[in-house]
């Protein structure tokens, strides 16, 4: 089976004196339905790995493939299309638009895919139902709790049914109860076949994941799933 994400010998170096090596020949394969967590101290390369894997940054060298397609050499426009159709992102800070209601926030990403307005709304409502917010469709972010806002963000990430979702500290702004709800929701997404890759310091999140990838100084030093 073709991995949904395959990284080979990926390096990322930032200029400086001396240059900063954020990723050092990292290799990683993620398959559909897998729940993986990336762990490590600050400065270990976790966020850089997420950005390179999610096509938000290009590797300095090496290969990144999404569903078998090499993406590290694509144009900016082509990368935008990959992100729009194949990848979902969930961030600690939610990144919702306060003057838009939940449906509008979720539907916004589909506008960049050229989906007609009626279909965007229907898909957004379905995604919000999926994350348990069918009763909060008209509420704007300031009217929602932190856990509900993160659910909206997750609905936005999955509304286009991507094969791969990246979550960067998705429980970082939540209390333990709301965090547990988000952990359960990520598990449900994986059960439906979406590959979920989480970067976190939250041990409760880590414990709920199937695979644990530990980074230090730009290297993967432990991976209990391992390249396969």
Protein backbone atom coordinates (compact mmCIF):
# COMPACT_ATOMS: atom_id res chain seq x y z
CA UNK A 1 0.00 0.00 0.00
CA UNK A 2 1.32 3.44 -0.94
CA UNK A 3 1.96 5.56 2.17
CA UNK A 4 -0.14 8.71 2.46
CA UNK A 5 3.09 10.45 3.53
CA UNK A 6 6.64 9.39 2.71
CA UNK A 7 9.67 11.45 3.68
CA UNK A 8 13.13 10.31 2.56
CA UNK A 9 16.45 11.83 3.69
CA UNK A 10 14.78 15.18 4.35
CA UNK A 11 17.07 17.94 5.58
CA UNK A 12 16.16 21.49 6.51
CA UNK A 13 18.89 24.05 7.15
CA UNK A 14 18.36 27.70 8.05
CA UNK A 15 21.09 30.22 7.22
CA UNK A 16 23.20 31.64 10.02
CA UNK A 17 26.65 31.55 11.57
CA UNK A 18 26.74 28.65 11.96
CA UNK A 19 23.74 27.40 9.94
CA UNK A 20 20.93 25.84 11.96
CA UNK A 21 20.20 22.23 11.03
CA UNK A 22 16.54 21.75 11.95
CA UNK A 23 16.08 18.40 10.17
CA UNK A 24 18.90 15.94 9.51
CA UNK A 25 18.18 13.19 6.95
CA UNK A 26 14.77 12.34 8.38
CA UNK A 27 12.92 9.32 6.96
CA UNK A 28 9.26 8.69 7.76
CA UNK A 29 6.29 6.81 6.32
CA UNK A 30 2.69 7.28 7.44
CA UNK A 31 -0.18 5.10 6.19
CA UNK A 32 -3.92 5.67 6.00
CA UNK A 33 -5.69 5.42 9.33
CA UNK A 34 -2.49 5.68 11.34
CA UNK A 35 -2.34 7.79 14.51
CA UNK A 36 1.17 9.08 15.04
CA UNK A 37 2.54 11.55 17.58
CA UNK A 38 5.81 13.46 17.24
CA UNK A 39 7.51 14.12 20.57
CA UNK A 40 10.68 15.83 21.73
CA UNK A 41 12.01 18.87 23.59
CA UNK A 42 11.73 22.41 22.27
CA UNK A 43 14.12 22.89 19.37
CA UNK A 44 14.19 19.20 18.50
CA UNK A 45 12.73 19.73 15.01
CA UNK A 46 9.11 18.68 15.66
CA UNK A 47 7.48 21.79 14.19
CA UNK A 48 9.91 21.89 11.27
CA UNK A 49 9.05 18.28 10.47
CA UNK A 50 5.34 19.13 10.52
CA UNK A 51 5.87 22.15 8.27
CA UNK A 52 7.97 20.19 5.76
CA UNK A 53 5.62 17.20 5.81
CA UNK A 54 2.62 19.49 5.38
CA UNK A 55 4.24 21.36 2.46
CA UNK A 56 4.27 24.63 4.41
CA UNK A 57 8.05 24.68 3.97
CA UNK A 58 10.29 23.03 1.41
CA UNK A 59 13.11 20.73 2.52
CA UNK A 60 16.64 21.92 1.81
CA UNK A 61 17.22 18.48 0.34
CA UNK A 62 15.51 15.12 0.25
CA UNK A 63 12.07 13.96 -0.81
CA UNK A 64 8.51 14.47 0.41
CA UNK A 65 5.72 12.46 -1.20
CA UNK A 66 1.98 12.82 -0.56
CA UNK A 67 0.03 9.75 -1.68
CA UNK A 68 2.97 8.76 -3.87
CA UNK A 69 3.42 12.16 -5.55
CA UNK A 70 6.70 14.01 -5.10
CA UNK A 71 5.74 17.45 -3.78
CA UNK A 72 9.04 19.03 -2.79
CA UNK A 73 9.65 20.23 -6.35
CA UNK A 74 6.14 21.52 -7.10
CA UNK A 75 5.41 25.19 -7.76
CA UNK A 76 3.78 27.31 -5.07
CA UNK A 77 0.45 27.12 -6.89
CA UNK A 78 0.69 23.35 -7.18
CA UNK A 79 1.55 23.07 -3.47
CA UNK A 80 -1.49 25.18 -2.61
CA UNK A 81 -3.63 22.72 -4.53
CA UNK A 82 -2.08 19.79 -2.66
CA UNK A 83 -2.83 21.46 0.68
CA UNK A 84 -6.37 22.32 -0.38
CA UNK A 85 -7.29 18.80 -1.50
CA UNK A 86 -5.09 16.33 0.39
CA UNK A 87 -4.04 17.84 3.72
CA UNK A 88 -5.88 19.24 6.73
CA UNK A 89 -4.31 21.36 9.48
CA UNK A 90 -5.35 21.88 13.09
CA UNK A 91 -3.47 24.45 15.19
CA UNK A 92 -3.33 25.29 18.88
CA UNK A 93 -4.63 28.82 18.26
CA UNK A 94 -7.68 27.64 16.23
CA UNK A 95 -7.24 30.38 13.53
CA UNK A 96 -10.98 30.94 13.10
CA UNK A 97 -12.51 34.15 11.75
CA UNK A 98 -14.52 35.80 14.53
CA UNK A 99 -17.15 37.50 12.38
CA UNK A 100 -18.02 34.27 10.55
CA UNK A 101 -20.25 31.58 12.05
CA UNK A 102 -19.16 27.96 12.35
CA UNK A 103 -20.56 26.95 8.96
CA UNK A 104 -18.85 29.86 7.20
CA UNK A 105 -15.52 29.14 8.87
CA UNK A 106 -15.63 25.48 7.85
CA UNK A 107 -16.85 26.21 4.32
CA UNK A 108 -14.17 28.80 3.63
CA UNK A 109 -11.50 26.29 2.66
CA UNK A 110 -13.74 24.74 0.04
CA UNK A 111 -14.08 28.10 -1.71
CA UNK A 112 -10.43 27.81 -2.75
CA UNK A 113 -11.24 24.47 -4.36
CA UNK A 114 -13.94 26.02 -6.54
CA UNK A 115 -16.78 24.16 -4.81
CA UNK A 116 -20.17 25.83 -5.45
CA UNK A 117 -21.62 27.77 -2.50
CA UNK A 118 -24.55 25.41 -1.89
CA UNK A 119 -22.25 22.38 -1.87
CA UNK A 120 -19.79 24.17 0.42
CA UNK A 121 -22.51 24.82 2.98
CA UNK A 122 -23.81 21.24 2.82
CA UNK A 123 -20.32 19.84 3.28
CA UNK A 124 -19.63 22.23 6.17
CA UNK A 125 -22.83 21.24 7.96
CA UNK A 126 -21.95 17.56 7.51
CA UNK A 127 -18.44 18.12 8.88
CA UNK A 128 -19.78 20.00 11.90
CA UNK A 129 -22.29 17.23 12.55
CA UNK A 130 -19.39 14.79 12.38
CA UNK A 131 -17.56 16.63 15.19
CA UNK A 132 -20.70 16.96 17.32
CA UNK A 133 -21.51 20.60 16.60
CA UNK A 134 -24.68 20.26 14.56
CA UNK A 135 -26.45 22.37 17.18
CA UNK A 136 -23.94 25.25 16.99
CA UNK A 137 -23.91 25.96 13.26
CA UNK A 138 -24.81 29.67 13.53
CA UNK A 139 -22.55 30.46 16.46
CA UNK A 140 -19.46 32.61 15.89
CA UNK A 141 -16.13 31.74 17.56
CA UNK A 142 -16.54 34.25 20.44
CA UNK A 143 -19.79 32.45 21.32
CA UNK A 144 -18.10 29.04 21.53
CA UNK A 145 -16.00 27.40 24.23
CA UNK A 146 -12.36 26.55 23.57
CA UNK A 147 -13.22 22.91 22.97
CA UNK A 148 -16.01 23.86 20.56
CA UNK A 149 -13.71 26.20 18.65
CA UNK A 150 -11.18 23.41 18.28
CA UNK A 151 -13.96 21.15 17.00
CA UNK A 152 -14.80 23.79 14.38
CA UNK A 153 -11.12 23.88 13.43
CA UNK A 154 -11.08 20.10 13.07
CA UNK A 155 -14.26 20.22 10.96
CA UNK A 156 -12.56 22.78 8.73
CA UNK A 157 -9.52 20.50 8.44
CA UNK A 158 -11.55 17.47 7.36
CA UNK A 159 -14.37 19.06 5.34
CA UNK A 160 -12.56 18.29 2.09
CA UNK A 161 -11.97 14.70 3.25
CA UNK A 162 -8.16 14.82 3.07
CA UNK A 163 -6.18 11.65 3.56
CA UNK A 164 -3.80 13.33 6.00
CA UNK A 165 -4.39 15.66 8.95
CA UNK A 166 -1.63 17.42 10.89
CA UNK A 167 -2.39 18.74 14.38
CA UNK A 168 0.05 21.08 16.12
CA UNK A 169 -0.58 21.10 19.91
CA UNK A 170 -4.35 20.68 19.35
CA UNK A 171 -5.10 20.53 23.09
CA UNK A 172 -2.65 23.25 24.14
CA UNK A 173 -5.34 25.88 24.85
CA UNK A 174 -7.91 23.48 26.33
CA UNK A 175 -8.73 22.16 29.78
CA UNK A 176 -8.35 18.45 30.42
CA UNK A 177 -12.01 17.60 29.72
CA UNK A 178 -12.08 19.45 26.39
CA UNK A 179 -8.68 17.99 25.54
CA UNK A 180 -9.99 14.48 26.11
CA UNK A 181 -12.85 15.19 23.70
CA UNK A 182 -10.41 16.32 21.02
CA UNK A 183 -8.26 13.21 21.56
CA UNK A 184 -11.34 11.02 21.08
CA UNK A 185 -12.31 12.94 17.96
CA UNK A 186 -8.85 12.48 16.40
CA UNK A 187 -9.15 8.76 17.10
CA UNK A 188 -12.51 8.70 15.30
CA UNK A 189 -10.96 10.39 12.26
CA UNK A 190 -8.24 7.74 12.14
CA UNK A 191 -10.82 4.98 12.46
CA UNK A 192 -12.47 6.40 9.34
CA UNK A 193 -9.18 6.09 7.44
CA UNK A 194 -7.64 9.55 7.86
CA UNK A 195 -3.97 9.52 8.82
CA UNK A 196 -3.44 11.77 11.85
CA UNK A 197 -0.03 13.19 12.78
CA UNK A 198 0.12 15.18 16.02
CA UNK A 199 2.92 17.32 17.42
CA UNK A 200 2.44 17.76 21.16
CA UNK A 201 3.89 18.00 24.66
CA UNK A 202 0.61 16.64 26.10
CA UNK A 203 1.25 13.19 27.53
CA UNK A 204 -2.46 12.34 27.43
CA UNK A 205 -2.44 12.94 23.67
CA UNK A 206 0.74 10.91 23.28
CA UNK A 207 -0.72 8.00 25.23
CA UNK A 208 -3.74 7.89 22.91
CA UNK A 209 -1.68 7.58 19.73
CA UNK A 210 -0.68 4.27 18.12
CA UNK A 211 2.80 5.36 17.08
CA UNK A 212 5.36 7.48 18.90
CA UNK A 213 8.11 9.29 16.99
CA UNK A 214 10.71 10.99 19.18
CA UNK A 215 12.99 13.73 17.82
CA UNK A 216 16.13 15.32 19.15
CA UNK A 217 18.47 17.79 17.45
CA UNK A 218 16.77 17.33 14.09
CA UNK A 219 17.00 13.53 14.14
CA UNK A 220 14.35 10.87 14.66
CA UNK A 221 15.90 9.03 17.60
CA UNK A 222 13.02 6.64 18.28
CA UNK A 223 10.06 5.39 16.27
CA UNK A 224 8.02 2.50 17.61
CA UNK A 225 6.23 2.18 14.28
CA UNK A 226 9.33 2.55 12.18
CA UNK A 227 9.59 2.97 8.40
CA UNK A 228 7.58 0.22 6.73
